[in-house]
């Protein structure tokens, strides 16, 4: 994925978020874009929003766990060289949930950069 940087304000633009340091602060922030077409759920793994929406639907409507969805996905679509992990499925679930709620509230979710998933809440 491509990224860019504004030389004036030092904002970094990515496919799924923007990062910047607020004035008079040393803590960088990230703004997660509701309009993103792809979400980064691993070091080098990106998924489209159809994947994350179907995951969200399966977990809510079928009461599927992250482990069950991981097993389903890998058995149905995975190859020996391309398997998803439970952590990646959970990451997609959390990101899609946050973006869905933020979108319904007409806002983008903003957090401290590199916030641990356990600290989101």
PDB file of N, CA and C in Angstrom:
ATOM      1  N   UNK A   1       0.839  -1.172   0.000  1.00  0.00           N
ATOM      2  CA  UNK A   1       0.000   0.000   0.000  1.00  0.00           C
ATOM      3  C   UNK A   1       0.889   1.242   0.000  1.00  0.00           C
ATOM      4  N   UNK A   2       0.398   2.240  -0.660  1.00  0.00           N
ATOM      5  CA  UNK A   2       1.118   3.503  -0.708  1.00  0.00           C
ATOM      6  C   UNK A   2       0.783   4.352   0.505  1.00  0.00           C
ATOM      7  N   UNK A   3       1.694   5.206   0.855  1.00  0.00           N
ATOM      8  CA  UNK A   3       1.439   6.173   1.914  1.00  0.00           C
ATOM      9  C   UNK A   3       2.033   7.504   1.463  1.00  0.00           C
ATOM     10  N   UNK A   4       1.611   8.561   2.117  1.00  0.00           N
ATOM     11  CA  UNK A   4       2.108   9.882   1.769  1.00  0.00           C
ATOM     12  C   UNK A   4       2.304  10.719   3.005  1.00  0.00           C
ATOM     13  N   UNK A   5       2.982  11.851   2.823  1.00  0.00           N
ATOM     14  CA  UNK A   5       3.259  12.740   3.952  1.00  0.00           C
ATOM     15  C   UNK A   5       3.122  14.180   3.496  1.00  0.00           C
ATOM     16  N   UNK A   6       2.428  14.987   4.292  1.00  0.00           N
ATOM     17  CA  UNK A   6       2.311  16.420   4.032  1.00  0.00           C
ATOM     18  C   UNK A   6       3.549  17.098   4.607  1.00  0.00           C
ATOM     19  N   UNK A   7       4.275  17.831   3.766  1.00  0.00           N
ATOM     20  CA  UNK A   7       5.495  18.485   4.240  1.00  0.00           C
ATOM     21  C   UNK A   7       5.197  19.715   5.087  1.00  0.00           C
ATOM     22  N   UNK A   8       3.979  20.226   5.015  1.00  0.00           N
ATOM     23  CA  UNK A   8       3.610  21.398   5.828  1.00  0.00           C
ATOM     24  C   UNK A   8       3.267  21.029   7.261  1.00  0.00           C
ATOM     25  N   UNK A   9       2.347  20.051   7.393  1.00  0.00           N
ATOM     26  CA  UNK A   9       1.853  19.726   8.738  1.00  0.00           C
ATOM     27  C   UNK A   9       2.382  18.397   9.263  1.00  0.00           C
ATOM     28  N   UNK A  10       3.162  17.677   8.467  1.00  0.00           N
ATOM     29  CA  UNK A  10       3.777  16.415   8.855  1.00  0.00           C
ATOM     30  C   UNK A  10       2.754  15.305   9.121  1.00  0.00           C
ATOM     31  N   UNK A  11       1.566  15.402   8.489  1.00  0.00           N
ATOM     32  CA  UNK A  11       0.573  14.338   8.595  1.00  0.00           C
ATOM     33  C   UNK A  11       0.956  13.218   7.648  1.00  0.00           C
ATOM     34  N   UNK A  12       0.830  11.982   8.121  1.00  0.00           N
ATOM     35  CA  UNK A  12       1.121  10.807   7.304  1.00  0.00           C
ATOM     36  C   UNK A  12      -0.204  10.181   6.881  1.00  0.00           C
ATOM     37  N   UNK A  13      -0.344   9.928   5.594  1.00  0.00           N
ATOM     38  CA  UNK A  13      -1.573   9.372   5.050  1.00  0.00           C
ATOM     39  C   UNK A  13      -1.348   7.920   4.629  1.00  0.00           C
ATOM     40  N   UNK A  14      -2.255   7.044   5.081  1.00  0.00           N
ATOM     41  CA  UNK A  14      -2.199   5.622   4.756  1.00  0.00           C
ATOM     42  C   UNK A  14      -3.554   5.214   4.192  1.00  0.00           C
ATOM     43  N   UNK A  15      -3.656   3.996   3.707  1.00  0.00           N
ATOM     44  CA  UNK A  15      -4.905   3.530   3.097  1.00  0.00           C
ATOM     45  C   UNK A  15      -6.063   3.491   4.089  1.00  0.00           C
ATOM     46  N   UNK A  16      -5.778   3.225   5.354  1.00  0.00           N
ATOM     47  CA  UNK A  16      -6.857   3.065   6.329  1.00  0.00           C
ATOM     48  C   UNK A  16      -6.839   4.080   7.470  1.00  0.00           C
ATOM     49  N   UNK A  17      -5.802   4.901   7.547  1.00  0.00           N
ATOM     50  CA  UNK A  17      -5.735   5.885   8.636  1.00  0.00           C
ATOM     51  C   UNK A  17      -4.783   7.021   8.280  1.00  0.00           C
ATOM     52  N   UNK A  18      -4.865   8.064   9.080  1.00  0.00           N
ATOM     53  CA  UNK A  18      -3.930   9.189   9.002  1.00  0.00           C
ATOM     54  C   UNK A  18      -3.292   9.327  10.374  1.00  0.00           C
ATOM     55  N   UNK A  19      -2.033   9.730  10.407  1.00  0.00           N
ATOM     56  CA  UNK A  19      -1.389   9.949  11.701  1.00  0.00           C
ATOM     57  C   UNK A  19      -0.774  11.341  11.721  1.00  0.00           C
ATOM     58  N   UNK A  20      -0.867  11.970  12.888  1.00  0.00           N
ATOM     59  CA  UNK A  20      -0.344  13.327  13.062  1.00  0.00           C
ATOM     60  C   UNK A  20      -0.029  13.545  14.535  1.00  0.00           C
ATOM     61  N   UNK A  21       0.741  14.562  14.814  1.00  0.00           N
ATOM     62  CA  UNK A  21       1.007  14.954  16.195  1.00  0.00           C
ATOM     63  C   UNK A  21       0.296  16.276  16.437  1.00  0.00           C
ATOM     64  N   UNK A  22      -0.644  16.310  17.388  1.00  0.00           N
ATOM     65  CA  UNK A  22      -1.366  17.550  17.668  1.00  0.00           C
ATOM     66  C   UNK A  22      -0.406  18.653  18.116  1.00  0.00           C
ATOM     67  N   UNK A  23      -0.755  19.905  17.867  1.00  0.00           N
ATOM     68  CA  UNK A  23       0.084  21.014  18.332  1.00  0.00           C
ATOM     69  C   UNK A  23       0.290  20.939  19.855  1.00  0.00           C
ATOM     70  N   UNK A  24       1.458  21.312  20.301  1.00  0.00           N
ATOM     71  CA  UNK A  24       1.814  21.313  21.732  1.00  0.00           C
ATOM     72  C   UNK A  24       1.701  19.936  22.368  1.00  0.00           C
ATOM     73  N   UNK A  25       1.986  18.882  21.602  1.00  0.00           N
ATOM     74  CA  UNK A  25       1.922  17.528  22.123  1.00  0.00           C
ATOM     75  C   UNK A  25       3.093  16.721  21.568  1.00  0.00           C
ATOM     76  N   UNK A  26       3.471  15.701  22.297  1.00  0.00           N
ATOM     77  CA  UNK A  26       4.516  14.810  21.808  1.00  0.00           C
ATOM     78  C   UNK A  26       3.949  13.427  21.482  1.00  0.00           C
ATOM     79  N   UNK A  27       2.635  13.229  21.724  1.00  0.00           N
ATOM     80  CA  UNK A  27       1.993  11.946  21.474  1.00  0.00           C
ATOM     81  C   UNK A  27       1.315  11.939  20.111  1.00  0.00           C
ATOM     82  N   UNK A  28       1.848  11.173  19.162  1.00  0.00           N
ATOM     83  CA  UNK A  28       1.194  11.082  17.845  1.00  0.00           C
ATOM     84  C   UNK A  28      -0.193  10.435  17.966  1.00  0.00           C
ATOM     85  N   UNK A  29      -1.105  10.858  17.112  1.00  0.00           N
ATOM     86  CA  UNK A  29      -2.465  10.329  17.079  1.00  0.00           C
ATOM     87  C   UNK A  29      -2.733   9.700  15.725  1.00  0.00           C
ATOM     88  N   UNK A  30      -3.691   8.778  15.698  1.00  0.00           N
ATOM     89  CA  UNK A  30      -4.148   8.168  14.456  1.00  0.00           C
ATOM     90  C   UNK A  30      -5.643   8.412  14.317  1.00  0.00           C
ATOM     91  N   UNK A  31      -6.067   8.717  13.105  1.00  0.00           N
ATOM     92  CA  UNK A  31      -7.481   8.856  12.774  1.00  0.00           C
ATOM     93  C   UNK A  31      -7.804   7.707  11.828  1.00  0.00           C
ATOM     94  N   UNK A  32      -8.692   6.816  12.259  1.00  0.00           N
ATOM     95  CA  UNK A  32      -9.060   5.654  11.463  1.00  0.00           C
ATOM     96  C   UNK A  32     -10.218   6.039  10.549  1.00  0.00           C
ATOM     97  N   UNK A  33     -10.013   5.925   9.252  1.00  0.00           N
ATOM     98  CA  UNK A  33     -10.959   6.411   8.263  1.00  0.00           C
ATOM     99  C   UNK A  33     -12.090   5.420   8.018  1.00  0.00           C
ATOM    100  N   UNK A  34     -13.321   5.890   8.182  1.00  0.00           N
ATOM    101  CA  UNK A  34     -14.484   5.053   7.908  1.00  0.00           C
ATOM    102  C   UNK A  34     -14.604   4.736   6.424  1.00  0.00           C
ATOM    103  N   UNK A  35     -14.038   5.570   5.584  1.00  0.00           N
ATOM    104  CA  UNK A  35     -14.144   5.402   4.138  1.00  0.00           C
ATOM    105  C   UNK A  35     -13.074   4.471   3.563  1.00  0.00           C
ATOM    106  N   UNK A  36     -12.243   3.908   4.407  1.00  0.00           N
ATOM    107  CA  UNK A  36     -11.166   3.023   3.927  1.00  0.00           C
ATOM    108  C   UNK A  36     -11.746   1.804   3.221  1.00  0.00           C
ATOM    109  N   UNK A  37     -11.145   1.431   2.109  1.00  0.00           N
ATOM    110  CA  UNK A  37     -11.560   0.239   1.377  1.00  0.00           C
ATOM    111  C   UNK A  37     -10.856  -1.014   1.902  1.00  0.00           C
ATOM    112  N   UNK A  38      -9.710  -0.836   2.538  1.00  0.00           N
ATOM    113  CA  UNK A  38      -8.918  -1.948   3.048  1.00  0.00           C
ATOM    114  C   UNK A  38      -8.515  -1.665   4.485  1.00  0.00           C
ATOM    115  N   UNK A  39      -8.378  -2.726   5.278  1.00  0.00           N
ATOM    116  CA  UNK A  39      -7.939  -2.618   6.666  1.00  0.00           C
ATOM    117  C   UNK A  39      -6.684  -3.462   6.848  1.00  0.00           C
ATOM    118  N   UNK A  40      -5.726  -2.932   7.573  1.00  0.00           N
ATOM    119  CA  UNK A  40      -4.510  -3.671   7.868  1.00  0.00           C
ATOM    120  C   UNK A  40      -4.736  -4.475   9.148  1.00  0.00           C
ATOM    121  N   UNK A  41      -4.633  -5.801   9.035  1.00  0.00           N
ATOM    122  CA  UNK A  41      -4.901  -6.647  10.203  1.00  0.00           C
ATOM    123  C   UNK A  41      -3.693  -7.483  10.601  1.00  0.00           C
ATOM    124  N   UNK A  42      -2.563  -7.181  10.042  1.00  0.00           N
ATOM    125  CA  UNK A  42      -1.330  -7.883  10.379  1.00  0.00           C
ATOM    126  C   UNK A  42      -0.156  -7.068   9.895  1.00  0.00           C
ATOM    127  N   UNK A  43       1.019  -7.574  10.088  1.00  0.00           N
ATOM    128  CA  UNK A  43       2.217  -6.865   9.677  1.00  0.00           C
ATOM    129  C   UNK A  43       2.192  -6.536   8.196  1.00  0.00           C
ATOM    130  N   UNK A  44       1.748  -7.483   7.395  1.00  0.00           N
ATOM    131  CA  UNK A  44       1.693  -7.248   5.954  1.00  0.00           C
ATOM    132  C   UNK A  44       0.415  -7.803   5.344  1.00  0.00           C
ATOM    133  N   UNK A  45      -0.634  -7.953   6.147  1.00  0.00           N
ATOM    134  CA  UNK A  45      -1.899  -8.500   5.657  1.00  0.00           C
ATOM    135  C   UNK A  45      -2.974  -7.422   5.657  1.00  0.00           C
ATOM    136  N   UNK A  46      -3.573  -7.227   4.487  1.00  0.00           N
ATOM    137  CA  UNK A  46      -4.670  -6.273   4.318  1.00  0.00           C
ATOM    138  C   UNK A  46      -5.900  -7.049   3.873  1.00  0.00           C
ATOM    139  N   UNK A  47      -7.072  -6.645   4.344  1.00  0.00           N
ATOM    140  CA  UNK A  47      -8.327  -7.257   3.909  1.00  0.00           C
ATOM    141  C   UNK A  47      -9.261  -6.161   3.419  1.00  0.00           C
ATOM    142  N   UNK A  48     -10.163  -6.543   2.514  1.00  0.00           N
ATOM    143  CA  UNK A  48     -11.132  -5.548   2.058  1.00  0.00           C
ATOM    144  C   UNK A  48     -12.303  -5.500   3.040  1.00  0.00           C
ATOM    145  N   UNK A  49     -13.131  -4.484   2.871  1.00  0.00           N
ATOM    146  CA  UNK A  49     -14.234  -4.283   3.811  1.00  0.00           C
ATOM    147  C   UNK A  49     -15.311  -5.346   3.665  1.00  0.00           C
ATOM    148  N   UNK A  50     -15.395  -6.012   2.513  1.00  0.00           N
ATOM    149  CA  UNK A  50     -16.340  -7.124   2.368  1.00  0.00           C
ATOM    150  C   UNK A  50     -15.967  -8.242   3.334  1.00  0.00           C
ATOM    151  N   UNK A  51     -14.675  -8.524   3.439  1.00  0.00           N
ATOM    152  CA  UNK A  51     -14.193  -9.537   4.379  1.00  0.00           C
ATOM    153  C   UNK A  51     -14.547  -9.145   5.809  1.00  0.00           C
ATOM    154  N   UNK A  52     -14.209  -7.916   6.205  1.00  0.00           N
ATOM    155  CA  UNK A  52     -14.438  -7.510   7.591  1.00  0.00           C
ATOM    156  C   UNK A  52     -15.924  -7.393   7.904  1.00  0.00           C
ATOM    157  N   UNK A  53     -16.748  -6.981   6.933  1.00  0.00           N
ATOM    158  CA  UNK A  53     -18.194  -6.928   7.159  1.00  0.00           C
ATOM    159  C   UNK A  53     -18.787  -8.318   7.303  1.00  0.00           C
ATOM    160  N   UNK A  54     -18.323  -9.282   6.487  1.00  0.00           N
ATOM    161  CA  UNK A  54     -18.837 -10.650   6.604  1.00  0.00           C
ATOM    162  C   UNK A  54     -18.410 -11.274   7.928  1.00  0.00           C
ATOM    163  N   UNK A  55     -17.206 -10.957   8.372  1.00  0.00           N
ATOM    164  CA  UNK A  55     -16.720 -11.429   9.666  1.00  0.00           C
ATOM    165  C   UNK A  55     -17.585 -10.887  10.796  1.00  0.00           C
ATOM    166  N   UNK A  56     -17.859  -9.594  10.758  1.00  0.00           N
ATOM    167  CA  UNK A  56     -18.697  -8.961  11.778  1.00  0.00           C
ATOM    168  C   UNK A  56     -20.085  -9.604  11.805  1.00  0.00           C
ATOM    169  N   UNK A  57     -20.649  -9.809  10.630  1.00  0.00           N
ATOM    170  CA  UNK A  57     -21.963 -10.429  10.531  1.00  0.00           C
ATOM    171  C   UNK A  57     -21.961 -11.851  11.082  1.00  0.00           C
ATOM    172  N   UNK A  58     -20.946 -12.623  10.738  1.00  0.00           N
ATOM    173  CA  UNK A  58     -20.867 -14.007  11.224  1.00  0.00           C
ATOM    174  C   UNK A  58     -20.740 -14.052  12.741  1.00  0.00           C
ATOM    175  N   UNK A  59     -19.946 -13.168  13.286  1.00  0.00           N
ATOM    176  CA  UNK A  59     -19.738 -13.204  14.736  1.00  0.00           C
ATOM    177  C   UNK A  59     -20.996 -12.766  15.489  1.00  0.00           C
ATOM    178  N   UNK A  60     -21.732 -11.793  14.945  1.00  0.00           N
ATOM    179  CA  UNK A  60     -22.955 -11.354  15.616  1.00  0.00           C
ATOM    180  C   UNK A  60     -24.143 -12.263  15.322  1.00  0.00           C
ATOM    181  N   UNK A  61     -24.348 -12.633  14.063  1.00  0.00           N
ATOM    182  CA  UNK A  61     -25.535 -13.393  13.693  1.00  0.00           C
ATOM    183  C   UNK A  61     -25.431 -14.884  13.984  1.00  0.00           C
ATOM    184  N   UNK A  62     -24.237 -15.453  13.835  1.00  0.00           N
ATOM    185  CA  UNK A  62     -24.058 -16.877  14.082  1.00  0.00           C
ATOM    186  C   UNK A  62     -23.373 -17.145  15.414  1.00  0.00           C
ATOM    187  N   UNK A  63     -23.060 -16.088  16.148  1.00  0.00           N
ATOM    188  CA  UNK A  63     -22.365 -16.207  17.431  1.00  0.00           C
ATOM    189  C   UNK A  63     -21.051 -16.973  17.280  1.00  0.00           C
ATOM    190  N   UNK A  64     -20.381 -16.735  16.149  1.00  0.00           N
ATOM    191  CA  UNK A  64     -19.107 -17.409  15.879  1.00  0.00           C
ATOM    192  C   UNK A  64     -17.998 -16.742  16.698  1.00  0.00           C
ATOM    193  N   UNK A  65     -17.095 -17.537  17.183  1.00  0.00           N
ATOM    194  CA  UNK A  65     -15.939 -17.013  17.890  1.00  0.00           C
ATOM    195  C   UNK A  65     -14.845 -16.684  16.876  1.00  0.00           C
ATOM    196  N   UNK A  66     -13.851 -15.955  17.321  1.00  0.00           N
ATOM    197  CA  UNK A  66     -12.711 -15.661  16.445  1.00  0.00           C
ATOM    198  C   UNK A  66     -12.018 -16.963  16.033  1.00  0.00           C
ATOM    199  N   UNK A  67     -11.930 -17.911  16.944  1.00  0.00           N
ATOM    200  CA  UNK A  67     -11.304 -19.203  16.626  1.00  0.00           C
ATOM    201  C   UNK A  67     -12.119 -19.967  15.589  1.00  0.00           C
ATOM    202  N   UNK A  68     -13.440 -19.981  15.738  1.00  0.00           N
ATOM    203  CA  UNK A  68     -14.299 -20.692  14.787  1.00  0.00           C
ATOM    204  C   UNK A  68     -14.220 -20.054  13.399  1.00  0.00           C
ATOM    205  N   UNK A  69     -14.227 -18.718  13.345  1.00  0.00           N
ATOM    206  CA  UNK A  69     -14.158 -18.046  12.045  1.00  0.00           C
ATOM    207  C   UNK A  69     -12.792 -18.262  11.400  1.00  0.00           C
ATOM    208  N   UNK A  70     -11.742 -18.269  12.202  1.00  0.00           N
ATOM    209  CA  UNK A  70     -10.401 -18.549  11.684  1.00  0.00           C
ATOM    210  C   UNK A  70     -10.364 -19.927  11.043  1.00  0.00           C
ATOM    211  N   UNK A  71     -10.898 -20.921  11.754  1.00  0.00           N
ATOM    212  CA  UNK A  71     -10.928 -22.285  11.238  1.00  0.00           C
ATOM    213  C   UNK A  71     -11.757 -22.361   9.954  1.00  0.00           C
ATOM    214  N   UNK A  72     -12.928 -21.726   9.959  1.00  0.00           N
ATOM    215  CA  UNK A  72     -13.787 -21.715   8.767  1.00  0.00           C
ATOM    216  C   UNK A  72     -13.053 -21.099   7.579  1.00  0.00           C
ATOM    217  N   UNK A  73     -12.449 -19.937   7.797  1.00  0.00           N
ATOM    218  CA  UNK A  73     -11.784 -19.240   6.692  1.00  0.00           C
ATOM    219  C   UNK A  73     -10.614 -20.053   6.140  1.00  0.00           C
ATOM    220  N   UNK A  74      -9.783 -20.556   7.021  1.00  0.00           N
ATOM    221  CA  UNK A  74      -8.622 -21.324   6.570  1.00  0.00           C
ATOM    222  C   UNK A  74      -9.027 -22.624   5.878  1.00  0.00           C
ATOM    223  N   UNK A  75     -10.083 -23.292   6.376  1.00  0.00           N
ATOM    224  CA  UNK A  75     -10.552 -24.519   5.735  1.00  0.00           C
ATOM    225  C   UNK A  75     -11.188 -24.243   4.377  1.00  0.00           C
ATOM    226  N   UNK A  76     -11.889 -23.115   4.260  1.00  0.00           N
ATOM    227  CA  UNK A  76     -12.617 -22.808   3.025  1.00  0.00           C
ATOM    228  C   UNK A  76     -11.774 -22.106   1.970  1.00  0.00           C
ATOM    229  N   UNK A  77     -10.939 -21.186   2.395  1.00  0.00           N
ATOM    230  CA  UNK A  77     -10.250 -20.323   1.439  1.00  0.00           C
ATOM    231  C   UNK A  77      -8.736 -20.285   1.600  1.00  0.00           C
ATOM    232  N   UNK A  78      -8.235 -20.777   2.705  1.00  0.00           N
ATOM    233  CA  UNK A  78      -6.799 -20.714   2.972  1.00  0.00           C
ATOM    234  C   UNK A  78      -6.010 -21.707   2.146  1.00  0.00           C
ATOM    235  N   UNK A  79      -4.767 -21.390   1.979  1.00  0.00           N
ATOM    236  CA  UNK A  79      -3.823 -22.299   1.345  1.00  0.00           C
ATOM    237  C   UNK A  79      -2.690 -22.516   2.341  1.00  0.00           C
ATOM    238  N   UNK A  80      -1.858 -23.522   2.153  1.00  0.00           N
ATOM    239  CA  UNK A  80      -0.757 -23.730   3.108  1.00  0.00           C
ATOM    240  C   UNK A  80       0.133 -22.492   3.279  1.00  0.00           C
ATOM    241  N   UNK A  81       0.261 -21.680   2.252  1.00  0.00           N
ATOM    242  CA  UNK A  81       1.121 -20.503   2.362  1.00  0.00           C
ATOM    243  C   UNK A  81       0.352 -19.244   2.788  1.00  0.00           C
ATOM    244  N   UNK A  82      -0.972 -19.351   2.886  1.00  0.00           N
ATOM    245  CA  UNK A  82      -1.775 -18.171   3.247  1.00  0.00           C
ATOM    246  C   UNK A  82      -2.873 -18.570   4.221  1.00  0.00           C
ATOM    247  N   UNK A  83      -2.563 -18.481   5.500  1.00  0.00           N
ATOM    248  CA  UNK A  83      -3.514 -18.795   6.562  1.00  0.00           C
ATOM    249  C   UNK A  83      -3.671 -17.556   7.440  1.00  0.00           C
ATOM    250  N   UNK A  84      -4.882 -17.305   7.921  1.00  0.00           N
ATOM    251  CA  UNK A  84      -5.076 -16.206   8.861  1.00  0.00           C
ATOM    252  C   UNK A  84      -5.019 -16.776  10.276  1.00  0.00           C
ATOM    253  N   UNK A  85      -4.699 -15.906  11.211  1.00  0.00           N
ATOM    254  CA  UNK A  85      -4.629 -16.320  12.612  1.00  0.00           C
ATOM    255  C   UNK A  85      -5.835 -15.777  13.367  1.00  0.00           C
ATOM    256  N   UNK A  86      -6.059 -16.325  14.546  1.00  0.00           N
ATOM    257  CA  UNK A  86      -7.149 -15.838  15.392  1.00  0.00           C
ATOM    258  C   UNK A  86      -6.953 -14.366  15.734  1.00  0.00           C
ATOM    259  N   UNK A  87      -5.709 -13.976  15.968  1.00  0.00           N
ATOM    260  CA  UNK A  87      -5.420 -12.571  16.295  1.00  0.00           C
ATOM    261  C   UNK A  87      -5.772 -11.643  15.133  1.00  0.00           C
ATOM    262  N   UNK A  88      -5.519 -12.072  13.899  1.00  0.00           N
ATOM    263  CA  UNK A  88      -5.859 -11.261  12.731  1.00  0.00           C
ATOM    264  C   UNK A  88      -7.377 -11.159  12.562  1.00  0.00           C
ATOM    265  N   UNK A  89      -8.074 -12.249  12.819  1.00  0.00           N
ATOM    266  CA  UNK A  89      -9.539 -12.216  12.754  1.00  0.00           C
ATOM    267  C   UNK A  89     -10.076 -11.269  13.823  1.00  0.00           C
ATOM    268  N   UNK A  90      -9.534 -11.351  15.028  1.00  0.00           N
ATOM    269  CA  UNK A  90      -9.977 -10.457  16.105  1.00  0.00           C
ATOM    270  C   UNK A  90      -9.668  -8.998  15.751  1.00  0.00           C
ATOM    271  N   UNK A  91      -8.522  -8.739  15.161  1.00  0.00           N
ATOM    272  CA  UNK A  91      -8.160  -7.387  14.746  1.00  0.00           C
ATOM    273  C   UNK A  91      -9.171  -6.850  13.728  1.00  0.00           C
ATOM    274  N   UNK A  92      -9.546  -7.665  12.754  1.00  0.00           N
ATOM    275  CA  UNK A  92     -10.537  -7.253  11.758  1.00  0.00           C
ATOM    276  C   UNK A  92     -11.883  -6.982  12.427  1.00  0.00           C
ATOM    277  N   UNK A  93     -12.277  -7.822  13.375  1.00  0.00           N
ATOM    278  CA  UNK A  93     -13.542  -7.638  14.096  1.00  0.00           C
ATOM    279  C   UNK A  93     -13.550  -6.309  14.853  1.00  0.00           C
ATOM    280  N   UNK A  94     -12.488  -6.044  15.591  1.00  0.00           N
ATOM    281  CA  UNK A  94     -12.418  -4.810  16.382  1.00  0.00           C
ATOM    282  C   UNK A  94     -12.413  -3.590  15.469  1.00  0.00           C
ATOM    283  N   UNK A  95     -11.591  -3.619  14.430  1.00  0.00           N
ATOM    284  CA  UNK A  95     -11.521  -2.460  13.532  1.00  0.00           C
ATOM    285  C   UNK A  95     -12.845  -2.203  12.828  1.00  0.00           C
ATOM    286  N   UNK A  96     -13.483  -3.244  12.320  1.00  0.00           N
ATOM    287  CA  UNK A  96     -14.757  -3.058  11.615  1.00  0.00           C
ATOM    288  C   UNK A  96     -15.840  -2.599  12.588  1.00  0.00           C
ATOM    289  N   UNK A  97     -15.850  -3.127  13.810  1.00  0.00           N
ATOM    290  CA  UNK A  97     -16.824  -2.693  14.817  1.00  0.00           C
ATOM    291  C   UNK A  97     -16.673  -1.210  15.125  1.00  0.00           C
ATOM    292  N   UNK A  98     -15.442  -0.788  15.364  1.00  0.00           N
ATOM    293  CA  UNK A  98     -15.181   0.622  15.687  1.00  0.00           C
ATOM    294  C   UNK A  98     -15.575   1.519  14.529  1.00  0.00           C
ATOM    295  N   UNK A  99     -15.204   1.125  13.317  1.00  0.00           N
ATOM    296  CA  UNK A  99     -15.536   1.950  12.145  1.00  0.00           C
ATOM    297  C   UNK A  99     -17.046   2.009  11.916  1.00  0.00           C
ATOM    298  N   UNK A 100     -17.744   0.910  12.142  1.00  0.00           N
ATOM    299  CA  UNK A 100     -19.202   0.897  11.961  1.00  0.00           C
ATOM    300  C   UNK A 100     -19.882   1.837  12.946  1.00  0.00           C
ATOM    301  N   UNK A 101     -19.474   1.774  14.198  1.00  0.00           N
ATOM    302  CA  UNK A 101     -20.062   2.648  15.213  1.00  0.00           C
ATOM    303  C   UNK A 101     -19.701   4.108  14.940  1.00  0.00           C
ATOM    304  N   UNK A 102     -18.447   4.365  14.597  1.00  0.00           N
ATOM    305  CA  UNK A 102     -18.030   5.736  14.292  1.00  0.00           C
ATOM    306  C   UNK A 102     -18.778   6.278  13.081  1.00  0.00           C
ATOM    307  N   UNK A 103     -18.977   5.453  12.069  1.00  0.00           N
ATOM    308  CA  UNK A 103     -19.678   5.885  10.867  1.00  0.00           C
ATOM    309  C   UNK A 103     -21.131   6.241  11.173  1.00  0.00           C
ATOM    310  N   UNK A 104     -21.797   5.427  12.001  1.00  0.00           N
ATOM    311  CA  UNK A 104     -23.181   5.724  12.387  1.00  0.00           C
ATOM    312  C   UNK A 104     -23.270   7.006  13.207  1.00  0.00           C
ATOM    313  N   UNK A 105     -22.173   7.362  13.872  1.00  0.00           N
ATOM    314  CA  UNK A 105     -22.123   8.588  14.681  1.00  0.00           C
ATOM    315  C   UNK A 105     -21.598   9.779  13.879  1.00  0.00           C
ATOM    316  N   UNK A 106     -21.357   9.563  12.582  1.00  0.00           N
ATOM    317  CA  UNK A 106     -20.823  10.613  11.699  1.00  0.00           C
ATOM    318  C   UNK A 106     -19.507  11.188  12.211  1.00  0.00           C
ATOM    319  N   UNK A 107     -18.613  10.310  12.641  1.00  0.00           N
ATOM    320  CA  UNK A 107     -17.294  10.753  13.094  1.00  0.00           C
ATOM    321  C   UNK A 107     -16.259   9.693  12.746  1.00  0.00           C
ATOM    322  N   UNK A 108     -14.996  10.054  12.800  1.00  0.00           N
ATOM    323  CA  UNK A 108     -13.902   9.103  12.640  1.00  0.00           C
ATOM    324  C   UNK A 108     -13.326   8.812  14.016  1.00  0.00           C
ATOM    325  N   UNK A 109     -12.899   7.580  14.229  1.00  0.00           N
ATOM    326  CA  UNK A 109     -12.302   7.182  15.503  1.00  0.00           C
ATOM    327  C   UNK A 109     -10.858   7.656  15.549  1.00  0.00           C
ATOM    328  N   UNK A 110     -10.495   8.304  16.636  1.00  0.00           N
ATOM    329  CA  UNK A 110      -9.137   8.806  16.816  1.00  0.00           C
ATOM    330  C   UNK A 110      -8.577   8.268  18.120  1.00  0.00           C
ATOM    331  N   UNK A 111      -7.304   7.855  18.077  1.00  0.00           N
ATOM    332  CA  UNK A 111      -6.656   7.290  19.261  1.00  0.00           C
ATOM    333  C   UNK A 111      -5.168   7.616  19.223  1.00  0.00           C
ATOM    334  N   UNK A 112      -4.514   7.406  20.350  1.00  0.00           N
ATOM    335  CA  UNK A 112      -3.066   7.543  20.415  1.00  0.00           C
ATOM    336  C   UNK A 112      -2.440   6.533  19.462  1.00  0.00           C
ATOM    337  N   UNK A 113      -1.382   6.938  18.770  1.00  0.00           N
ATOM    338  CA  UNK A 113      -0.738   6.048  17.788  1.00  0.00           C
ATOM    339  C   UNK A 113      -0.212   4.786  18.449  1.00  0.00           C
ATOM    340  N   UNK A 114      -0.380   3.661  17.756  1.00  0.00           N
ATOM    341  CA  UNK A 114       0.091   2.343  18.203  1.00  0.00           C
ATOM    342  C   UNK A 114      -0.523   1.918  19.539  1.00  0.00           C
ATOM    343  N   UNK A 115      -1.762   2.300  19.767  1.00  0.00           N
ATOM    344  CA  UNK A 115      -2.462   1.904  20.979  1.00  0.00           C
ATOM    345  C   UNK A 115      -2.684   0.393  20.972  1.00  0.00           C
ATOM    346  N   UNK A 116      -2.366  -0.248  22.060  1.00  0.00           N
ATOM    347  CA  UNK A 116      -2.552  -1.700  22.150  1.00  0.00           C
ATOM    348  C   UNK A 116      -4.031  -2.027  22.065  1.00  0.00           C
ATOM    349  N   UNK A 117      -4.370  -3.128  21.399  1.00  0.00           N
ATOM    350  CA  UNK A 117      -5.771  -3.513  21.201  1.00  0.00           C
ATOM    351  C   UNK A 117      -6.495  -3.677  22.541  1.00  0.00           C
ATOM    352  N   UNK A 118      -5.778  -4.092  23.594  1.00  0.00           N
ATOM    353  CA  UNK A 118      -6.384  -4.247  24.904  1.00  0.00           C
ATOM    354  C   UNK A 118      -6.750  -2.909  25.539  1.00  0.00           C
ATOM    355  N   UNK A 119      -6.146  -1.802  25.057  1.00  0.00           N
ATOM    356  CA  UNK A 119      -6.414  -0.484  25.614  1.00  0.00           C
ATOM    357  C   UNK A 119      -7.526   0.254  24.879  1.00  0.00           C
ATOM    358  N   UNK A 120      -8.041  -0.312  23.797  1.00  0.00           N
ATOM    359  CA  UNK A 120      -9.149   0.308  23.085  1.00  0.00           C
ATOM    360  C   UNK A 120     -10.415   0.026  23.861  1.00  0.00           C
ATOM    361  N   UNK A 121     -11.159   1.082  24.166  1.00  0.00           N
ATOM    362  CA  UNK A 121     -12.396   0.801  24.887  1.00  0.00           C
ATOM    363  C   UNK A 121     -12.941   1.918  25.630  1.00  0.00           C
TER     364      UNK A 121
END
